[in-house]
Amino acid sequence: MSDSADATDGGDAGKSERERIRERKLRALREELERDGEIGGGDASDASDADGETPAATPSEPIEVDGPEAFQRVVDEHDVVLVDCYADWCGPCQMMEPTIEALASDTDAAVAKVDVDANPGIAQQLGARSIPTLLVYAGGEAVDRFMGAQDRATLESAIERAA
């Protein structure tokens, strides 16, 4: 089947991986908001941190960063962020995809994905000269950096150190 036929197919099979991820993320966020509304009485101000600010919920799926403002917002809103600088055509990046999704789902860190082809300025700002480049941010500052494919245990350990 051709790509154009895939794009017009009404089922999940016709959707790109990115579209399926976005839909899963949206469903998870809606469920989380509904759950928080029922448990917390619907008042988000009940869940404030020591500074009196409401912390952003850690998404269970990677966040696609689409510009410098979005990148800064993700880093500012979350205590710990794993940043994955990748490209769709990169074999090691594709190999890392299941690990990146699992870390987003199984850790307290937010996971931000930066497509270096779509966001060369961010890639340059982050010093991503090869891909994949993975950075761990804590409190808005980069605290760890990895170049090349990494195993899950290495990244989990870095996230735990940053927490």
N, C-alpha and C. Protein backbone atom coordinates (compact mmCIF):
# COMPACT_ATOMS: atom_id res chain seq x y z
N MET A 1 0.84 -1.17 0.00
CA MET A 1 0.00 0.00 0.00
C MET A 1 0.89 1.23 0.00
N SER A 2 0.50 2.28 -0.70
CA SER A 2 1.31 3.48 -0.81
C SER A 2 1.15 4.36 0.42
N ASP A 3 2.05 5.33 0.56
CA ASP A 3 1.97 6.26 1.67
C ASP A 3 0.69 7.07 1.63
N SER A 4 0.28 7.46 0.42
CA SER A 4 -0.94 8.26 0.32
C SER A 4 -2.15 7.43 0.71
N ALA A 5 -2.13 6.15 0.41
CA ALA A 5 -3.24 5.28 0.83
C ALA A 5 -3.23 5.12 2.33
N ASP A 6 -2.02 5.02 2.92
CA ASP A 6 -1.92 4.93 4.38
C ASP A 6 -2.50 6.17 5.04
N ALA A 7 -2.22 7.33 4.48
CA ALA A 7 -2.64 8.58 5.09
C ALA A 7 -4.14 8.75 5.06
N THR A 8 -4.82 8.13 4.08
CA THR A 8 -6.26 8.30 3.98
C THR A 8 -7.03 7.19 4.66
N ASP A 9 -6.35 6.15 5.10
CA ASP A 9 -6.98 5.04 5.79
C ASP A 9 -7.55 5.55 7.12
N GLY A 10 -8.79 5.22 7.41
CA GLY A 10 -9.43 5.71 8.63
C GLY A 10 -8.95 5.01 9.89
N GLY A 11 -8.32 3.84 9.80
CA GLY A 11 -7.91 3.09 10.98
C GLY A 11 -6.55 3.51 11.48
N ASP A 12 -6.14 2.89 12.59
CA ASP A 12 -4.84 3.16 13.19
C ASP A 12 -3.70 2.81 12.25
N ALA A 13 -3.91 1.83 11.38
CA ALA A 13 -2.85 1.38 10.49
C ALA A 13 -2.39 2.49 9.56
N GLY A 14 -3.25 3.46 9.27
CA GLY A 14 -2.91 4.53 8.36
C GLY A 14 -2.23 5.70 9.02
N LYS A 15 -2.11 5.65 10.32
CA LYS A 15 -1.52 6.78 11.04
C LYS A 15 -0.03 6.56 11.23
N SER A 16 0.69 7.65 11.23
CA SER A 16 2.13 7.57 11.47
C SER A 16 2.36 7.24 12.93
N GLU A 17 3.55 6.78 13.22
CA GLU A 17 3.91 6.47 14.61
C GLU A 17 3.75 7.72 15.48
N ARG A 18 4.15 8.85 14.96
CA ARG A 18 4.03 10.12 15.70
C ARG A 18 2.57 10.42 16.03
N GLU A 19 1.66 10.21 15.06
CA GLU A 19 0.23 10.45 15.32
C GLU A 19 -0.30 9.50 16.38
N ARG A 20 0.11 8.22 16.32
CA ARG A 20 -0.35 7.26 17.33
C ARG A 20 0.16 7.63 18.71
N ILE A 21 1.41 8.08 18.79
CA ILE A 21 1.98 8.50 20.07
C ILE A 21 1.22 9.70 20.61
N ARG A 22 0.96 10.67 19.76
CA ARG A 22 0.22 11.86 20.20
C ARG A 22 -1.16 11.51 20.70
N GLU A 23 -1.85 10.60 20.00
CA GLU A 23 -3.18 10.19 20.44
C GLU A 23 -3.13 9.48 21.79
N ARG A 24 -2.14 8.58 21.97
CA ARG A 24 -1.99 7.89 23.26
C ARG A 24 -1.72 8.90 24.37
N LYS A 25 -0.87 9.88 24.07
CA LYS A 25 -0.53 10.90 25.06
C LYS A 25 -1.77 11.71 25.42
N LEU A 26 -2.54 12.09 24.44
CA LEU A 26 -3.75 12.86 24.69
C LEU A 26 -4.75 12.06 25.53
N ARG A 27 -4.91 10.77 25.20
CA ARG A 27 -5.81 9.92 26.00
C ARG A 27 -5.33 9.82 27.44
N ALA A 28 -4.02 9.60 27.62
CA ALA A 28 -3.46 9.47 28.97
C ALA A 28 -3.64 10.77 29.75
N LEU A 29 -3.42 11.91 29.10
CA LEU A 29 -3.58 13.19 29.76
C LEU A 29 -5.03 13.42 30.16
N ARG A 30 -5.96 13.09 29.26
CA ARG A 30 -7.39 13.25 29.59
C ARG A 30 -7.77 12.37 30.78
N GLU A 31 -7.29 11.10 30.76
CA GLU A 31 -7.58 10.21 31.88
C GLU A 31 -7.00 10.74 33.18
N GLU A 32 -5.79 11.25 33.12
CA GLU A 32 -5.13 11.79 34.31
C GLU A 32 -5.89 13.00 34.84
N LEU A 33 -6.32 13.88 33.94
CA LEU A 33 -7.07 15.06 34.36
C LEU A 33 -8.41 14.67 34.97
N GLU A 34 -9.08 13.69 34.37
CA GLU A 34 -10.34 13.21 34.93
C GLU A 34 -10.12 12.60 36.31
N ARG A 35 -9.07 11.79 36.43
CA ARG A 35 -8.75 11.15 37.70
C ARG A 35 -8.42 12.21 38.77
N ASP A 36 -7.61 13.19 38.41
CA ASP A 36 -7.27 14.26 39.36
C ASP A 36 -8.49 15.06 39.76
N GLY A 37 -9.37 15.29 38.81
CA GLY A 37 -10.59 16.04 39.11
C GLY A 37 -11.48 15.30 40.10
N GLU A 38 -11.54 13.96 39.98
CA GLU A 38 -12.38 13.18 40.88
C GLU A 38 -11.73 13.04 42.25
N ILE A 39 -10.43 12.81 42.27
CA ILE A 39 -9.73 12.58 43.54
C ILE A 39 -9.52 13.88 44.28
N GLY A 40 -9.06 14.92 43.58
CA GLY A 40 -8.71 16.18 44.22
C GLY A 40 -9.85 17.14 44.33
N GLY A 41 -11.07 16.71 44.04
CA GLY A 41 -12.21 17.60 44.14
C GLY A 41 -12.26 18.62 43.02
N GLY A 42 -11.42 18.44 42.00
CA GLY A 42 -11.48 19.31 40.84
C GLY A 42 -10.71 20.60 41.00
N ASP A 43 -10.07 20.85 42.14
CA ASP A 43 -9.35 22.10 42.37
C ASP A 43 -7.86 21.86 42.24
N ALA A 44 -7.27 22.33 41.16
CA ALA A 44 -5.85 22.11 40.91
C ALA A 44 -4.98 22.82 41.93
N SER A 45 -5.51 23.82 42.63
CA SER A 45 -4.69 24.55 43.59
C SER A 45 -4.39 23.72 44.82
N ASP A 46 -5.07 22.59 45.01
CA ASP A 46 -4.78 21.71 46.14
C ASP A 46 -3.41 21.07 46.02
N ALA A 47 -2.90 20.93 44.81
CA ALA A 47 -1.64 20.21 44.57
C ALA A 47 -0.52 21.20 44.31
N SER A 48 -0.11 21.95 45.33
CA SER A 48 0.98 22.89 45.11
C SER A 48 2.22 22.40 45.81
N ASP A 49 3.38 22.79 45.27
CA ASP A 49 4.64 22.38 45.87
C ASP A 49 5.07 23.39 46.94
N ALA A 50 6.27 23.24 47.46
CA ALA A 50 6.74 24.08 48.56
C ALA A 50 6.78 25.57 48.18
N ASP A 51 6.93 25.89 46.90
CA ASP A 51 6.98 27.28 46.46
C ASP A 51 5.59 27.85 46.23
N GLY A 52 4.56 27.03 46.42
CA GLY A 52 3.21 27.49 46.19
C GLY A 52 2.78 27.38 44.74
N GLU A 53 3.66 26.84 43.88
CA GLU A 53 3.32 26.67 42.48
C GLU A 53 2.81 25.26 42.25
N THR A 54 1.92 25.12 41.29
CA THR A 54 1.40 23.80 40.96
C THR A 54 2.38 23.15 40.00
N PRO A 55 2.99 22.02 40.39
CA PRO A 55 3.94 21.37 39.50
C PRO A 55 3.22 20.75 38.30
N ALA A 56 3.90 20.74 37.18
CA ALA A 56 3.33 20.13 35.98
C ALA A 56 3.38 18.60 36.15
N ALA A 57 2.30 17.96 35.75
CA ALA A 57 2.27 16.50 35.80
C ALA A 57 3.30 15.96 34.82
N THR A 58 4.00 14.91 35.21
CA THR A 58 4.99 14.32 34.32
C THR A 58 4.25 13.48 33.29
N PRO A 59 4.39 13.82 32.01
CA PRO A 59 3.69 13.06 30.98
C PRO A 59 4.23 11.63 30.89
N SER A 60 3.36 10.72 30.54
CA SER A 60 3.75 9.31 30.43
C SER A 60 4.26 8.97 29.03
N GLU A 61 4.31 9.94 28.16
CA GLU A 61 4.83 9.75 26.81
C GLU A 61 5.76 10.89 26.47
N PRO A 62 6.69 10.66 25.54
CA PRO A 62 7.62 11.73 25.16
C PRO A 62 6.90 12.97 24.64
N ILE A 63 7.49 14.12 24.91
CA ILE A 63 6.97 15.41 24.46
C ILE A 63 7.76 15.81 23.22
N GLU A 64 7.08 16.01 22.11
CA GLU A 64 7.74 16.46 20.88
C GLU A 64 7.97 17.96 20.99
N VAL A 65 9.22 18.38 20.97
CA VAL A 65 9.57 19.79 21.07
C VAL A 65 9.56 20.37 19.67
N ASP A 66 8.82 21.48 19.48
CA ASP A 66 8.70 22.06 18.15
C ASP A 66 9.26 23.47 18.04
N GLY A 67 10.12 23.84 18.97
CA GLY A 67 10.75 25.16 18.89
C GLY A 67 11.44 25.50 20.19
N PRO A 68 12.23 26.56 20.19
CA PRO A 68 12.99 26.93 21.38
C PRO A 68 12.10 27.27 22.58
N GLU A 69 10.97 27.91 22.33
CA GLU A 69 10.07 28.26 23.43
C GLU A 69 9.50 27.00 24.07
N ALA A 70 9.10 26.05 23.24
CA ALA A 70 8.56 24.79 23.76
C ALA A 70 9.62 24.04 24.55
N PHE A 71 10.86 24.03 24.06
CA PHE A 71 11.94 23.37 24.78
C PHE A 71 12.13 24.01 26.16
N GLN A 72 12.21 25.33 26.19
CA GLN A 72 12.42 26.03 27.46
C GLN A 72 11.27 25.79 28.42
N ARG A 73 10.05 25.76 27.89
CA ARG A 73 8.87 25.53 28.73
C ARG A 73 8.94 24.14 29.38
N VAL A 74 9.33 23.12 28.60
CA VAL A 74 9.43 21.76 29.15
C VAL A 74 10.48 21.71 30.25
N VAL A 75 11.64 22.30 30.00
CA VAL A 75 12.73 22.29 30.98
C VAL A 75 12.33 23.05 32.24
N ASP A 76 11.61 24.16 32.07
CA ASP A 76 11.20 24.97 33.22
C ASP A 76 10.08 24.32 34.04
N GLU A 77 9.18 23.61 33.37
CA GLU A 77 7.99 23.07 34.04
C GLU A 77 8.23 21.77 34.79
N HIS A 78 9.31 21.06 34.48
CA HIS A 78 9.54 19.75 35.08
C HIS A 78 10.85 19.73 35.85
N ASP A 79 10.84 19.03 36.97
CA ASP A 79 12.04 18.95 37.81
C ASP A 79 13.18 18.25 37.08
N VAL A 80 12.88 17.10 36.47
CA VAL A 80 13.89 16.32 35.75
C VAL A 80 13.38 16.07 34.34
N VAL A 81 14.24 16.34 33.36
CA VAL A 81 13.87 16.15 31.95
C VAL A 81 14.99 15.39 31.25
N LEU A 82 14.63 14.32 30.56
CA LEU A 82 15.55 13.63 29.67
C LEU A 82 15.28 14.16 28.27
N VAL A 83 16.29 14.73 27.64
CA VAL A 83 16.15 15.31 26.30
C VAL A 83 16.81 14.36 25.31
N ASP A 84 16.05 13.95 24.31
CA ASP A 84 16.53 13.04 23.26
C ASP A 84 16.65 13.83 21.96
N CYS A 85 17.88 14.11 21.54
CA CYS A 85 18.13 14.76 20.25
C CYS A 85 18.27 13.64 19.22
N TYR A 86 17.38 13.62 18.25
CA TYR A 86 17.30 12.49 17.32
C TYR A 86 16.98 12.97 15.91
N ALA A 87 17.02 12.03 14.97
CA ALA A 87 16.53 12.25 13.60
C ALA A 87 15.80 10.98 13.17
N ASP A 88 14.75 11.16 12.39
CA ASP A 88 13.94 10.02 11.95
C ASP A 88 14.75 9.02 11.13
N TRP A 89 15.75 9.48 10.39
CA TRP A 89 16.53 8.62 9.51
C TRP A 89 17.67 7.90 10.24
N CYS A 90 17.89 8.21 11.50
CA CYS A 90 19.03 7.70 12.26
C CYS A 90 18.74 6.31 12.83
N GLY A 91 19.51 5.32 12.42
CA GLY A 91 19.32 3.95 12.90
C GLY A 91 19.44 3.81 14.41
N PRO A 92 20.51 4.31 15.04
CA PRO A 92 20.60 4.22 16.51
C PRO A 92 19.46 4.95 17.21
N CYS A 93 18.99 6.05 16.62
CA CYS A 93 17.86 6.78 17.21
C CYS A 93 16.60 5.90 17.17
N GLN A 94 16.38 5.23 16.07
CA GLN A 94 15.23 4.33 15.95
C GLN A 94 15.34 3.18 16.94
N MET A 95 16.56 2.70 17.13
CA MET A 95 16.80 1.62 18.08
C MET A 95 16.48 2.08 19.51
N MET A 96 16.72 3.35 19.81
CA MET A 96 16.49 3.90 21.15
C MET A 96 15.02 4.20 21.42
N GLU A 97 14.20 4.30 20.39
CA GLU A 97 12.80 4.72 20.54
C GLU A 97 12.02 3.94 21.61
N PRO A 98 12.07 2.61 21.63
CA PRO A 98 11.32 1.89 22.68
C PRO A 98 11.84 2.21 24.09
N THR A 99 13.13 2.40 24.23
CA THR A 99 13.70 2.75 25.53
C THR A 99 13.24 4.14 25.95
N ILE A 100 13.24 5.08 25.04
CA ILE A 100 12.82 6.45 25.33
C ILE A 100 11.35 6.45 25.75
N GLU A 101 10.50 5.72 25.04
CA GLU A 101 9.08 5.66 25.40
C GLU A 101 8.90 5.00 26.77
N ALA A 102 9.66 3.94 27.05
CA ALA A 102 9.56 3.26 28.34
C ALA A 102 9.99 4.18 29.47
N LEU A 103 11.05 4.96 29.27
CA LEU A 103 11.51 5.88 30.31
C LEU A 103 10.46 6.96 30.58
N ALA A 104 9.79 7.43 29.54
CA ALA A 104 8.73 8.42 29.71
C ALA A 104 7.59 7.84 30.54
N SER A 105 7.29 6.59 30.30
CA SER A 105 6.18 5.94 30.97
C SER A 105 6.53 5.47 32.38
N ASP A 106 7.77 5.04 32.60
CA ASP A 106 8.11 4.36 33.85
C ASP A 106 8.91 5.18 34.85
N THR A 107 9.32 6.40 34.49
CA THR A 107 10.10 7.22 35.42
C THR A 107 9.36 8.51 35.73
N ASP A 108 9.85 9.23 36.72
CA ASP A 108 9.25 10.51 37.07
C ASP A 108 9.80 11.66 36.24
N ALA A 109 10.70 11.36 35.32
CA ALA A 109 11.26 12.39 34.45
C ALA A 109 10.34 12.63 33.26
N ALA A 110 10.26 13.89 32.84
CA ALA A 110 9.61 14.19 31.57
C ALA A 110 10.63 13.86 30.49
N VAL A 111 10.17 13.41 29.34
CA VAL A 111 11.06 13.08 28.24
C VAL A 111 10.71 14.00 27.07
N ALA A 112 11.70 14.79 26.64
CA ALA A 112 11.51 15.71 25.53
C ALA A 112 12.29 15.20 24.33
N LYS A 113 11.63 15.17 23.17
CA LYS A 113 12.27 14.72 21.94
C LYS A 113 12.49 15.92 21.03
N VAL A 114 13.75 16.10 20.61
CA VAL A 114 14.12 17.21 19.73
C VAL A 114 14.58 16.63 18.40
N ASP A 115 13.79 16.82 17.35
CA ASP A 115 14.16 16.40 16.00
C ASP A 115 15.19 17.41 15.50
N VAL A 116 16.44 16.97 15.36
CA VAL A 116 17.52 17.89 15.01
C VAL A 116 17.37 18.45 13.59
N ASP A 117 16.67 17.73 12.72
CA ASP A 117 16.45 18.24 11.36
C ASP A 117 15.41 19.36 11.36
N ALA A 118 14.39 19.24 12.19
CA ALA A 118 13.35 20.26 12.27
C ALA A 118 13.74 21.41 13.19
N ASN A 119 14.69 21.17 14.10
CA ASN A 119 15.08 22.17 15.09
C ASN A 119 16.60 22.31 15.19
N PRO A 120 17.25 22.71 14.09
CA PRO A 120 18.71 22.79 14.13
C PRO A 120 19.24 23.80 15.15
N GLY A 121 18.49 24.85 15.41
CA GLY A 121 18.93 25.84 16.39
C GLY A 121 19.00 25.27 17.80
N ILE A 122 18.00 24.48 18.17
CA ILE A 122 18.01 23.84 19.49
C ILE A 122 19.15 22.84 19.56
N ALA A 123 19.32 22.07 18.49
CA ALA A 123 20.40 21.08 18.47
C ALA A 123 21.75 21.77 18.66
N GLN A 124 21.93 22.90 18.00
CA GLN A 124 23.18 23.65 18.15
C GLN A 124 23.31 24.18 19.58
N GLN A 125 22.25 24.74 20.11
CA GLN A 125 22.25 25.27 21.48
C GLN A 125 22.62 24.18 22.48
N LEU A 126 22.15 22.95 22.24
CA LEU A 126 22.41 21.84 23.15
C LEU A 126 23.75 21.17 22.88
N GLY A 127 24.41 21.54 21.81
CA GLY A 127 25.69 20.94 21.47
C GLY A 127 25.56 19.53 20.96
N ALA A 128 24.44 19.23 20.31
CA ALA A 128 24.21 17.89 19.75
C ALA A 128 24.91 17.79 18.40
N ARG A 129 26.15 17.36 18.42
CA ARG A 129 26.94 17.26 17.19
C ARG A 129 26.83 15.90 16.54
N SER A 130 26.35 14.93 17.30
CA SER A 130 26.06 13.61 16.74
C SER A 130 24.76 13.14 17.37
N ILE A 131 24.13 12.19 16.72
CA ILE A 131 22.86 11.70 17.25
C ILE A 131 22.91 10.19 17.39
N PRO A 132 22.19 9.66 18.34
CA PRO A 132 21.44 10.39 19.35
C PRO A 132 22.36 11.04 20.38
N THR A 133 21.94 12.21 20.84
CA THR A 133 22.54 12.86 22.00
C THR A 133 21.43 12.96 23.03
N LEU A 134 21.71 12.51 24.25
CA LEU A 134 20.72 12.53 25.32
C LEU A 134 21.27 13.38 26.46
N LEU A 135 20.45 14.29 26.95
CA LEU A 135 20.83 15.16 28.06
C LEU A 135 19.84 14.99 29.19
N VAL A 136 20.33 15.10 30.41
CA VAL A 136 19.46 15.08 31.58
C VAL A 136 19.50 16.48 32.20
N TYR A 137 18.33 17.08 32.36
CA TYR A 137 18.20 18.38 33.00
C TYR A 137 17.58 18.18 34.37
N ALA A 138 18.09 18.92 35.35
CA ALA A 138 17.53 18.93 36.69
C ALA A 138 17.48 20.39 37.14
N GLY A 139 16.32 20.82 37.58
CA GLY A 139 16.17 22.20 38.01
C GLY A 139 16.50 23.20 36.93
N GLY A 140 16.24 22.87 35.68
CA GLY A 140 16.47 23.78 34.57
C GLY A 140 17.89 23.79 34.03
N GLU A 141 18.79 23.00 34.62
CA GLU A 141 20.19 22.98 34.19
C GLU A 141 20.58 21.59 33.67
N ALA A 142 21.40 21.54 32.63
CA ALA A 142 21.90 20.26 32.12
C ALA A 142 22.89 19.69 33.14
N VAL A 143 22.65 18.44 33.56
CA VAL A 143 23.51 17.81 34.57
C VAL A 143 24.20 16.56 34.05
N ASP A 144 23.78 16.05 32.90
CA ASP A 144 24.40 14.85 32.34
C ASP A 144 24.20 14.84 30.83
N ARG A 145 25.12 14.19 30.12
CA ARG A 145 25.06 14.12 28.65
C ARG A 145 25.58 12.76 28.20
N PHE A 146 24.88 12.19 27.21
CA PHE A 146 25.28 10.92 26.62
C PHE A 146 25.23 11.06 25.11
N MET A 147 26.23 10.50 24.44
CA MET A 147 26.23 10.51 22.98
C MET A 147 26.21 9.07 22.50
N GLY A 148 25.38 8.82 21.50
CA GLY A 148 25.23 7.47 20.98
C GLY A 148 24.15 6.71 21.73
N ALA A 149 23.83 5.53 21.23
CA ALA A 149 22.79 4.70 21.85
C ALA A 149 23.23 4.29 23.25
N GLN A 150 22.30 4.32 24.18
CA GLN A 150 22.56 3.97 25.57
C GLN A 150 21.56 2.91 26.02
N ASP A 151 21.95 2.13 27.01
CA ASP A 151 21.00 1.15 27.53
C ASP A 151 20.10 1.83 28.56
N ARG A 152 18.97 1.21 28.80
CA ARG A 152 17.96 1.77 29.69
C ARG A 152 18.50 1.98 31.10
N ALA A 153 19.27 1.03 31.62
CA ALA A 153 19.78 1.14 32.99
C ALA A 153 20.67 2.37 33.16
N THR A 154 21.47 2.69 32.17
CA THR A 154 22.34 3.87 32.24
C THR A 154 21.51 5.13 32.33
N LEU A 155 20.47 5.24 31.51
CA LEU A 155 19.63 6.42 31.51
C LEU A 155 18.79 6.51 32.78
N GLU A 156 18.27 5.38 33.25
CA GLU A 156 17.50 5.37 34.50
C GLU A 156 18.38 5.84 35.66
N SER A 157 19.61 5.38 35.70
CA SER A 157 20.53 5.77 36.74
C SER A 157 20.79 7.28 36.71
N ALA A 158 20.96 7.83 35.52
CA ALA A 158 21.19 9.27 35.38
C ALA A 158 19.97 10.07 35.84
N ILE A 159 18.78 9.56 35.52
CA ILE A 159 17.54 10.23 35.95
C ILE A 159 17.43 10.18 37.48
N GLU A 160 17.74 9.04 38.07
CA GLU A 160 17.67 8.91 39.53
C GLU A 160 18.67 9.83 40.21
N ARG A 161 19.88 9.96 39.66
CA ARG A 161 20.87 10.88 40.25
C ARG A 161 20.39 12.32 40.19
N ALA A 162 19.67 12.66 39.13
CA ALA A 162 19.22 14.03 38.95
C ALA A 162 17.99 14.36 39.80
N ALA A 163 17.27 13.35 40.22
CA ALA A 163 16.03 13.58 40.97
C ALA A 163 16.29 14.08 42.39
